[in-house]
Structure formats: structure tokens, C-alpha cells
Amino acid sequence: MNSDFFILALRNLKKRKLRSFLTILGIFISVATIFLLISLSLGLQGAIEEQFRLLGTDKFFIQARGQSAGPGTEGAVMLTQADVDVIDKIPGIKEITYFMVSPAKIESGKEIKFTNVGGIPLDSTALYFESFSLDVEEGRFLEEGDTGEVVVGSQYKGQFLDVDIGNKIKINDKPFRVKGILEPVGNPQDDRFIYMSEEDFRLLFSIEERIDGIMVQVEGHDKIEEVSERVERKLRSSRDVTEKTQDFTILLPEQILESFGTVLAIITGFLGGIAAISLIVGGIGIANTMYTSVLERTKEIGVMKAVGAKNSDITTIFLIESGLLGLIGGAIGVILGIAAGKLIEYIAVNQLATNLLTIATPAWLIVACLAFAFLAGAISGTLPAMRAAKIKPTEALRYE
């Protein structure tokens, strides 16, 4: 009997192809939007988690709170070499490095660009490049004793600028030789970055003391919280601040990942709420279509009741019909969502040079979207189905 209900519902939808299509239009647009948002969010979360996996769980970061706009910006307070020296003496620390960042004008031939330049101590480049998952594609890293030389990001191979190993570029009108070109990171800002020695950086930008960030590697990942708390106490003492007036921030990998997750959840929830509005509009469209269908098929309902159909049978037929409208719309929406996601991936990789915008399409997400669309359709058709079931056979058979 249930299979007969489905066959009858499908037959009724086929009779009204154009109306059915227009009805499911709102459903598949909203489902496609919801599916795309969630899949992009899952993909971005996965990419971020992979970056933190590569970073490892044995490192943490320190930054001055005065740098509200991020590394490379001047603030009310700053970290200095004295802070590095204090941290370096704390038990449990395996290695320490730091960096400075400043915007600069870059010239190659007749081309002029603007990007960020970073200075790092050359005796700890291995930790720095490991922390940010950087690898050299051509040439080599900077080594102790290198002066007047730089390592550049992957976009200096014909995208941002076009340079080769051994070429000279001008940074703030001072020439530097390219010693290495990095593999793509997937983030345009990082792939346009330039690295030089700390000594060259301080001379070029006339920065004597400021340090924008410190990276600390502990001797074991299970000791990271213990060592970070020890560092926090020592820095408070050396900088003469209290817990309330603390002017620096210590970030553990889990805290950074959690903050990213919170932001992603807020954005996804907000955009998902907007998409849900279109789903409600689509549901209203289904309800309207089903009400119209009840009126058009009043005589048909009377015939079914006259030959023995129960009120529950009539209700079931109309609920299945409205649910199928939602399910078909959901299926089209999922397909459109996947296609749109793949298009965004292609544009991100080939035009924006980033691999962070990827989609994740787990089976549970597809099933959830289809089930959600079916339920939305069925719920939208509940009142029309109940109205159809209440029609009296004698009145229905006389209906014209």
C-alpha cells in the first residue's frame, strides 16, 4: 500500500511538471546555499587543523598586546631582545626564535609592488620555517653570515613579480639578491612575503629593538602548558606587570584553533540563518502548491473516499507528495552546492592562489540535507493534507 502511495504521488507531480519545478525552486536554492556554507566551513576547518597539525603541539607564540593590528604595527608596548633573553633561560625550553615584520616597496626591473618583509635571526631559521610549514622550492634558506640576501614567496615566480634565483630586487630602494624561492603555502599574503636576516632588517627599517612575535618550542608537547605558565610568570616579573596589567599575550595552538572555530561557527550560523529564511519561503511555496492541488483534486479525493480510501490514506498521499517536492529540491540543491563548491575551489587555487577555500562533503552532510529538505516539504504540506482529508465524499463528488 505504501508503494502505491508513492507511485500515486509521483504521478501527480509529473502531471504538474512546471508548477512542481517552480515550487522546488526555492527549496533547492536554499538547500544549495546551506550545503555550500557548511561544506566550505568544514573544509576550511579541516585546512586550519592540518596547518596546526604541521605546526605541532610543542610550540607556542608570544605577542605584545599593544600590537592590536597584528605583527608589524607599532603599539603602546612591544617585545624586545631582553624578553627573548629572559625566556631563553627558562627550564623546559628546547629552542626559541622570533621575527619582525614591516611593509615595504619592492622593485624588480620596472615593476613596483608593496608587500610585507620579515626579519629573522639566522641561527634559528629551522624552527621558524618549521613553525610556519615553509619549504624551499628553488635555491636555499638563509644561513648564518648571509647579508644582502633574501628568500621570497612562491608568487615571485611570475604571479606577484617574476624573479629567479640570483636576481636582484630593491627593497625600499636597497638592492638584495634572491637566494631562495619558497613552495606555495596557499595564502597569498604568505606567498608574497620576503624574508631577510635580522641585521639587514633592522638596518633597512631603522628598527633597533622591536620584536613582533616570539615562537617557543618546548622539550615535550605534554609540557607546553607548564612551560607557557612559567614563561608568563617570568615575563610579568621582568616587564614589571601584574596579571591585570599584563601587556603581552601567550597563545597555545589549541587556543588559536579554538578561536578560529568560534569565528567560523558564528559566520556559518549567521549565513545559515539567512539561507534558512529562503527555505521558509520555499516551504510556503510548497504549502501554496498543495492547497491549490487540494482544490483542483477535490472531485478526485471524493472518488477515492467513495471507493474506500480513509482520511489517513488521503493525508498520507498529500504528505508524501509535499515531502517528495522537498526531497527533489534537496537533491538538486546538494548537486548545485557541490558544483558551486568545486567552482570556488578552482577559483581559489588558480586565481587567488590559496588552498584554504576547499569543500568537505561527508556522507552525513548529504543525508542530513536531503532529510531536512524532505521534512521541510512534508511539514509544509501538513495543513493542506489535513484539509484534503476532511473533505466529505458527497460534497467532493458534486464539486466542479
Protein backbone atom coordinates (compact mmCIF):
# COMPACT_ATOMS: atom_id res chain seq x y z
CA MET A 1 0.00 0.00 0.00
CA ASN A 2 2.81 2.46 0.86
CA SER A 3 4.44 1.87 -2.52
CA ASP A 4 1.10 2.68 -4.19
CA PHE A 5 1.03 5.97 -2.30
CA PHE A 6 4.49 6.89 -3.61
CA ILE A 7 3.56 5.92 -7.18
CA LEU A 8 0.38 7.99 -7.00
CA ALA A 9 2.27 10.98 -5.53
CA LEU A 10 4.94 10.80 -8.28
CA ARG A 11 2.24 10.54 -10.94
CA ASN A 12 0.53 13.66 -9.61
CA LEU A 13 3.81 15.60 -9.60
CA LYS A 14 4.53 14.58 -13.21
CA LYS A 15 1.13 15.89 -14.29
CA ARG A 16 2.12 19.34 -13.00
CA LYS A 17 5.78 19.50 -14.10
CA LEU A 18 6.08 23.28 -14.45
CA ARG A 19 4.32 24.00 -11.17
CA SER A 20 6.39 21.34 -9.40
CA PHE A 21 9.60 22.86 -10.77
CA LEU A 22 8.65 26.37 -9.71
CA THR A 23 7.70 25.04 -6.27
CA ILE A 24 11.01 23.26 -5.66
CA LEU A 25 13.00 26.24 -6.96
CA GLY A 26 13.00 27.94 -3.57
CA ILE A 27 13.85 24.66 -1.85
CA PHE A 28 16.89 23.74 -3.93
CA ILE A 29 18.33 27.26 -3.82
CA SER A 30 18.13 27.32 -0.03
CA VAL A 31 19.46 23.76 0.35
CA ALA A 32 22.31 24.52 -2.08
CA THR A 33 23.19 27.60 -0.03
CA ILE A 34 23.09 25.74 3.29
CA PHE A 35 25.08 22.81 1.88
CA LEU A 36 27.71 25.11 0.36
CA LEU A 37 28.14 27.13 3.55
CA ILE A 38 28.51 24.08 5.77
CA SER A 39 30.82 22.24 3.34
CA LEU A 40 33.06 25.32 2.99
CA SER A 41 33.12 25.74 6.74
CA LEU A 42 34.08 22.08 7.24
CA GLY A 43 36.72 22.35 4.51
CA LEU A 44 38.22 25.50 6.00
CA GLN A 45 38.21 23.97 9.46
CA GLY A 46 39.98 20.89 8.09
CA ALA A 47 42.60 23.03 6.33
CA ILE A 48 43.26 25.02 9.51
CA GLU A 49 43.52 21.85 11.59
CA GLU A 50 46.00 20.46 9.06
CA GLN A 51 48.12 23.60 9.39
CA PHE A 52 48.16 23.21 13.16
CA ARG A 53 49.00 19.54 12.80
CA LEU A 54 52.03 20.52 10.74
CA LEU A 55 52.89 23.19 13.32
CA GLY A 56 52.94 20.59 16.08
CA THR A 57 51.77 20.69 19.66
CA ASP A 58 55.13 21.60 21.19
CA LYS A 59 55.21 25.29 20.21
CA PHE A 60 53.52 28.44 21.44
CA PHE A 61 53.60 32.11 20.48
CA ILE A 62 54.08 35.36 22.35
CA GLN A 63 52.94 38.76 21.10
CA ALA A 64 52.69 42.23 22.63
CA ARG A 65 49.12 43.29 23.37
CA GLY A 66 49.82 46.79 22.10
CA GLN A 67 50.00 45.47 18.55
CA SER A 68 46.27 45.50 18.10
CA ALA A 69 46.52 45.46 14.32
CA GLY A 70 48.87 42.48 14.27
CA PRO A 71 52.61 41.93 13.80
CA GLY A 72 54.45 44.75 12.10
CA THR A 73 52.37 47.52 13.63
CA GLU A 74 53.54 49.95 16.23
CA GLY A 75 51.76 49.87 19.56
CA ALA A 76 51.93 51.26 23.05
CA VAL A 77 54.12 48.35 24.13
CA MET A 78 56.48 45.99 22.37
CA LEU A 79 58.60 42.91 22.87
CA THR A 80 62.37 43.25 22.80
CA GLN A 81 65.53 41.18 22.85
CA ALA A 82 65.50 41.44 26.65
CA ASP A 83 62.27 39.38 26.67
CA VAL A 84 63.87 36.75 24.44
CA ASP A 85 66.84 36.51 26.82
CA VAL A 86 64.52 36.04 29.82
CA ILE A 87 62.55 33.29 28.07
CA ASP A 88 65.67 31.53 26.82
CA LYS A 89 66.83 30.85 30.40
CA ILE A 90 63.62 29.14 31.50
CA PRO A 91 63.87 25.35 32.05
CA GLY A 92 61.89 23.15 29.66
CA ILE A 93 62.53 25.24 26.54
CA LYS A 94 64.13 23.44 23.62
CA GLU A 95 64.54 26.34 21.19
CA ILE A 96 63.36 29.89 20.67
CA THR A 97 63.12 32.21 17.69
CA TYR A 98 61.43 35.49 16.84
CA PHE A 99 60.59 37.78 13.95
CA MET A 100 59.93 41.37 12.93
CA VAL A 101 57.59 42.48 10.14
CA SER A 102 57.32 45.73 8.19
CA PRO A 103 55.63 46.81 4.94
CA ALA A 104 57.98 47.76 2.13
CA LYS A 105 58.23 48.84 -1.51
CA ILE A 106 59.57 46.12 -3.81
CA GLU A 107 61.12 46.84 -7.22
CA SER A 108 62.08 44.33 -9.90
CA GLY A 109 63.03 45.94 -13.19
CA LYS A 110 60.31 48.46 -13.92
CA GLU A 111 57.71 46.79 -11.72
CA ILE A 112 56.89 48.21 -8.29
CA LYS A 113 54.89 46.31 -5.68
CA PHE A 114 54.18 46.64 -1.97
CA THR A 115 54.26 43.76 0.47
CA ASN A 116 55.47 42.71 3.92
CA VAL A 117 59.08 41.91 4.73
CA GLY A 118 60.17 39.86 7.72
CA GLY A 119 63.44 39.75 9.61
CA ILE A 120 64.51 36.60 11.45
CA PRO A 121 67.65 35.57 13.36
CA LEU A 122 69.63 33.25 11.09
CA ASP A 123 70.77 30.98 13.91
CA SER A 124 67.20 29.68 14.36
CA THR A 125 65.72 29.66 10.86
CA ALA A 126 64.93 25.94 11.09
CA LEU A 127 62.42 26.49 13.92
CA TYR A 128 60.86 29.48 12.18
CA PHE A 129 60.34 27.69 8.88
CA GLU A 130 59.09 24.57 10.67
CA SER A 131 56.60 26.65 12.66
CA PHE A 132 55.06 28.10 9.50
CA SER A 133 55.44 24.93 7.37
CA LEU A 134 57.74 26.63 4.87
CA ASP A 135 59.90 24.73 2.37
CA VAL A 136 62.28 25.95 -0.31
CA GLU A 137 61.38 25.04 -3.88
CA GLU A 138 64.41 26.65 -5.53
CA GLY A 139 67.73 27.77 -4.05
CA ARG A 140 68.16 27.50 -0.28
CA PHE A 141 67.26 29.02 3.08
CA LEU A 142 69.25 31.88 4.51
CA GLU A 143 72.20 30.78 6.63
CA GLU A 144 74.32 32.46 9.28
CA GLY A 145 76.60 35.02 7.66
CA ASP A 146 74.26 35.78 4.72
CA THR A 147 73.88 39.52 4.20
CA GLY A 148 72.17 41.43 1.44
CA GLU A 149 70.21 38.29 0.52
CA VAL A 150 66.56 37.31 0.78
CA VAL A 151 64.21 34.36 0.41
CA VAL A 152 60.92 35.13 -1.34
CA GLY A 153 57.48 33.51 -1.52
CA SER A 154 56.17 31.39 -4.37
CA GLN A 155 54.33 34.26 -6.08
CA TYR A 156 57.65 35.73 -7.16
CA LYS A 157 57.67 33.16 -9.94
CA GLY A 158 55.51 35.11 -12.37
CA GLN A 159 52.42 35.99 -10.31
CA PHE A 160 53.20 38.86 -7.94
CA LEU A 161 56.63 39.50 -9.50
CA ASP A 162 58.83 37.45 -11.83
CA VAL A 163 62.30 36.77 -10.43
CA ASP A 164 64.82 33.92 -10.50
CA ILE A 165 67.50 32.71 -8.14
CA GLY A 166 70.41 35.15 -8.23
CA ASN A 167 68.30 38.09 -9.44
CA LYS A 168 68.45 41.36 -7.54
CA ILE A 169 65.37 43.16 -6.26
CA LYS A 170 65.17 46.51 -4.50
CA ILE A 171 63.50 46.73 -1.11
CA ASN A 172 62.91 50.34 -0.08
CA ASP A 173 65.47 51.29 -2.77
CA LYS A 174 68.18 48.98 -1.39
CA PRO A 175 69.29 46.01 -3.56
CA PHE A 176 69.06 42.41 -2.29
CA ARG A 177 69.93 39.17 -4.05
CA VAL A 178 67.32 36.38 -4.18
CA LYS A 179 68.78 33.30 -2.52
CA GLY A 180 65.70 31.07 -2.44
CA ILE A 181 62.09 30.78 -3.59
CA LEU A 182 59.61 29.03 -1.31
CA GLU A 183 56.99 26.43 -2.15
CA PRO A 184 53.38 27.71 -2.22
CA VAL A 185 51.73 27.99 1.18
CA GLY A 186 48.25 28.60 -0.22
CA ASN A 187 47.82 32.02 1.39
CA PRO A 188 48.50 34.99 -0.95
CA GLN A 189 49.86 37.13 1.90
CA ASP A 190 52.38 34.45 2.86
CA ASP A 191 53.24 33.61 -0.74
CA ARG A 192 54.22 37.28 -1.33
CA PHE A 193 56.29 37.53 1.85
CA ILE A 194 60.04 38.27 1.81
CA TYR A 195 62.49 37.03 4.46
CA MET A 196 65.84 38.54 5.32
CA SER A 197 68.30 38.41 8.21
CA GLU A 198 67.56 40.28 11.41
CA GLU A 199 70.61 42.50 10.91
CA ASP A 200 69.58 43.52 7.38
CA PHE A 201 66.01 44.13 8.55
CA ARG A 202 66.96 46.42 11.44
CA LEU A 203 69.30 48.47 9.22
CA LEU A 204 66.80 48.72 6.39
CA PHE A 205 63.84 49.81 8.51
CA SER A 206 65.78 51.58 11.30
CA ILE A 207 64.17 49.35 13.95
CA GLU A 208 66.54 48.90 16.87
CA GLU A 209 64.66 46.89 19.49
CA ARG A 210 61.14 45.92 18.47
CA ILE A 211 60.24 42.24 18.12
CA ASP A 212 56.81 41.43 16.69
CA GLY A 213 56.49 37.83 17.75
CA ILE A 214 58.34 35.11 19.63
CA MET A 215 58.00 31.38 18.95
CA VAL A 216 58.94 28.93 21.68
CA GLN A 217 59.46 25.20 21.27
CA VAL A 218 59.27 23.11 24.45
CA GLU A 219 61.05 19.83 25.11
CA GLY A 220 57.81 17.81 25.03
CA HIS A 221 54.25 18.57 23.90
CA ASP A 222 52.92 17.31 27.24
CA LYS A 223 54.83 20.13 28.99
CA ILE A 224 53.58 23.00 26.85
CA GLU A 225 51.06 24.35 29.40
CA GLU A 226 53.51 24.04 32.28
CA VAL A 227 56.29 25.82 30.38
CA SER A 228 53.96 28.50 29.00
CA GLU A 229 52.77 29.32 32.54
CA ARG A 230 56.38 29.52 33.68
CA VAL A 231 57.19 31.88 30.80
CA GLU A 232 54.16 34.01 31.64
CA ARG A 233 55.25 34.41 35.27
CA LYS A 234 58.85 35.27 34.34
CA LEU A 235 57.79 37.82 31.73
CA ARG A 236 55.41 39.50 34.18
CA SER A 237 58.27 39.81 36.64
CA SER A 238 60.82 41.09 34.11
CA ARG A 239 58.34 43.52 32.49
CA ASP A 240 57.05 44.66 35.92
CA VAL A 241 53.39 43.94 35.20
CA THR A 242 50.65 42.06 37.04
CA GLU A 243 48.00 39.70 35.78
CA LYS A 244 45.62 42.65 35.35
CA THR A 245 48.15 44.94 33.65
CA GLN A 246 49.82 42.20 31.56
CA ASP A 247 50.89 43.72 28.24
CA PHE A 248 51.70 40.54 26.30
CA THR A 249 49.73 37.52 25.12
CA ILE A 250 50.73 33.86 25.09
CA LEU A 251 48.88 31.77 22.52
CA LEU A 252 48.84 27.98 22.65
CA PRO A 253 47.97 26.06 19.45
CA GLU A 254 44.68 24.83 20.95
CA GLN A 255 43.64 28.39 21.83
CA ILE A 256 44.33 29.66 18.33
CA LEU A 257 42.44 26.74 16.80
CA GLU A 258 39.53 27.28 19.17
CA SER A 259 39.30 30.97 18.29
CA PHE A 260 39.23 30.12 14.57
CA GLY A 261 36.50 27.57 15.24
CA THR A 262 34.41 30.10 17.15
CA VAL A 263 34.65 32.68 14.37
CA LEU A 264 33.78 30.07 11.74
CA ALA A 265 30.78 28.91 13.76
CA ILE A 266 29.46 32.47 14.13
CA ILE A 267 29.86 33.25 10.42
CA THR A 268 28.36 29.92 9.34
CA GLY A 269 25.45 30.31 11.76
CA PHE A 270 24.71 33.84 10.55
CA LEU A 271 24.81 32.92 6.86
CA GLY A 272 22.93 29.69 7.58
CA GLY A 273 20.18 31.74 9.22
CA ILE A 274 19.85 33.82 6.06
CA ALA A 275 19.67 30.64 3.98
CA ALA A 276 17.03 29.25 6.35
CA ILE A 277 14.82 32.22 5.52
CA SER A 278 14.83 31.18 1.86
CA LEU A 279 13.98 27.64 2.99
CA ILE A 280 10.93 29.01 4.83
CA VAL A 281 9.92 30.87 1.67
CA GLY A 282 10.32 27.61 -0.25
CA GLY A 283 8.16 25.84 2.33
CA ILE A 284 5.46 28.47 1.88
CA GLY A 285 5.62 27.80 -1.85
CA ILE A 286 5.06 24.08 -1.24
CA ALA A 287 2.12 24.81 1.07
CA ASN A 288 0.58 27.10 -1.55
CA THR A 289 1.03 24.48 -4.27
CA MET A 290 -0.50 21.76 -2.09
CA TYR A 291 -3.51 23.94 -1.22
CA THR A 292 -4.05 24.56 -4.92
CA SER A 293 -3.68 20.84 -5.58
CA VAL A 294 -6.33 20.05 -2.95
CA LEU A 295 -8.79 22.41 -4.65
CA GLU A 296 -8.03 21.01 -8.12
CA ARG A 297 -8.38 17.41 -6.96
CA THR A 298 -11.45 17.79 -4.74
CA LYS A 299 -13.51 15.53 -7.02
CA GLU A 300 -10.66 13.00 -7.21
CA ILE A 301 -10.50 12.95 -3.39
CA GLY A 302 -14.26 12.28 -3.31
CA VAL A 303 -13.88 9.33 -5.71
CA MET A 304 -11.05 7.85 -3.59
CA LYS A 305 -13.14 8.15 -0.45
CA ALA A 306 -16.17 6.66 -2.24
CA VAL A 307 -14.20 3.53 -3.13
CA GLY A 308 -12.94 3.08 0.45
CA ALA A 309 -9.97 5.41 0.99
CA LYS A 310 -9.60 6.50 4.60
CA ASN A 311 -8.80 10.00 5.86
CA SER A 312 -5.36 8.74 6.88
CA ASP A 313 -4.77 7.48 3.30
CA ILE A 314 -5.61 10.90 1.83
CA THR A 315 -3.38 12.62 4.39
CA THR A 316 -0.51 10.22 3.64
CA ILE A 317 -0.75 10.78 -0.14
CA PHE A 318 -0.56 14.55 0.20
CA LEU A 319 2.23 14.40 2.81
CA ILE A 320 4.28 12.10 0.56
CA GLU A 321 3.66 14.42 -2.37
CA SER A 322 4.83 17.52 -0.49
CA GLY A 323 7.75 15.58 1.02
CA LEU A 324 8.85 14.46 -2.45
CA LEU A 325 8.77 18.09 -3.61
CA GLY A 326 11.16 18.91 -0.77
CA LEU A 327 13.34 15.83 -1.41
CA ILE A 328 13.70 16.51 -5.13
CA GLY A 329 14.53 20.13 -4.38
CA GLY A 330 17.04 18.98 -1.76
CA ALA A 331 18.73 16.56 -4.18
CA ILE A 332 19.09 19.27 -6.82
CA GLY A 333 20.33 21.65 -4.11
CA VAL A 334 23.02 19.21 -2.96
CA ILE A 335 24.23 18.74 -6.55
CA LEU A 336 24.29 22.51 -7.11
CA GLY A 337 26.07 23.00 -3.77
CA ILE A 338 28.83 20.54 -4.71
CA ALA A 339 29.21 22.12 -8.16
CA ALA A 340 29.40 25.64 -6.69
CA GLY A 341 31.92 24.45 -4.08
CA LYS A 342 34.16 22.90 -6.73
CA LEU A 343 33.98 26.15 -8.72
CA ILE A 344 35.01 28.14 -5.63
CA GLU A 345 37.89 25.70 -5.06
CA TYR A 346 39.07 26.16 -8.66
CA ILE A 347 38.91 29.96 -8.46
CA ALA A 348 40.65 29.97 -5.06
CA VAL A 349 43.53 27.80 -6.27
CA ASN A 350 44.00 29.26 -9.75
CA GLN A 351 43.04 32.91 -9.27
CA LEU A 352 43.59 33.63 -5.57
CA ALA A 353 46.46 31.16 -5.05
CA THR A 354 45.02 29.79 -1.82
CA ASN A 355 44.12 26.23 -0.84
CA LEU A 356 42.18 27.23 2.26
CA LEU A 357 38.86 27.51 0.40
CA THR A 358 38.07 23.84 -0.10
CA ILE A 359 34.83 21.96 0.47
CA ALA A 360 34.24 18.88 2.58
CA THR A 361 31.30 16.66 1.57
CA PRO A 362 30.92 13.95 4.23
CA ALA A 363 28.08 11.47 3.71
CA TRP A 364 26.30 12.67 6.85
CA LEU A 365 26.03 16.20 5.41
CA ILE A 366 24.42 14.96 2.18
CA VAL A 367 21.98 12.71 4.04
CA ALA A 368 21.18 15.47 6.54
CA CYS A 369 20.40 18.00 3.79
CA LEU A 370 18.16 15.52 1.94
CA ALA A 371 16.33 14.54 5.14
CA PHE A 372 15.98 18.20 6.12
CA ALA A 373 14.52 19.08 2.71
CA PHE A 374 12.08 16.14 2.84
CA LEU A 375 10.90 17.09 6.33
CA ALA A 376 10.56 20.75 5.33
CA GLY A 377 8.37 19.72 2.41
CA ALA A 378 6.29 17.31 4.49
CA ILE A 379 5.75 19.84 7.26
CA SER A 380 4.76 22.49 4.70
CA GLY A 381 2.17 20.09 3.30
CA THR A 382 0.66 19.09 6.65
CA LEU A 383 -2.18 21.63 6.74
CA PRO A 384 -3.19 21.11 3.08
CA ALA A 385 -3.13 17.33 3.66
CA MET A 386 -5.36 17.68 6.74
CA ARG A 387 -7.76 19.84 4.76
CA ALA A 388 -7.90 17.27 1.99
CA ALA A 389 -8.68 14.52 4.50
CA LYS A 390 -11.62 16.49 5.94
CA ILE A 391 -13.42 16.85 2.60
CA LYS A 392 -16.72 14.94 2.64
CA PRO A 393 -17.22 12.48 -0.26
CA THR A 394 -20.71 13.76 -1.13
CA GLU A 395 -19.54 17.36 -1.38
CA ALA A 396 -16.39 16.39 -3.26
CA LEU A 397 -18.29 14.40 -5.92
CA ARG A 398 -20.54 17.43 -6.61
CA TYR A 399 -17.53 19.82 -6.79
CA GLU A 400 -16.92 21.35 -10.22
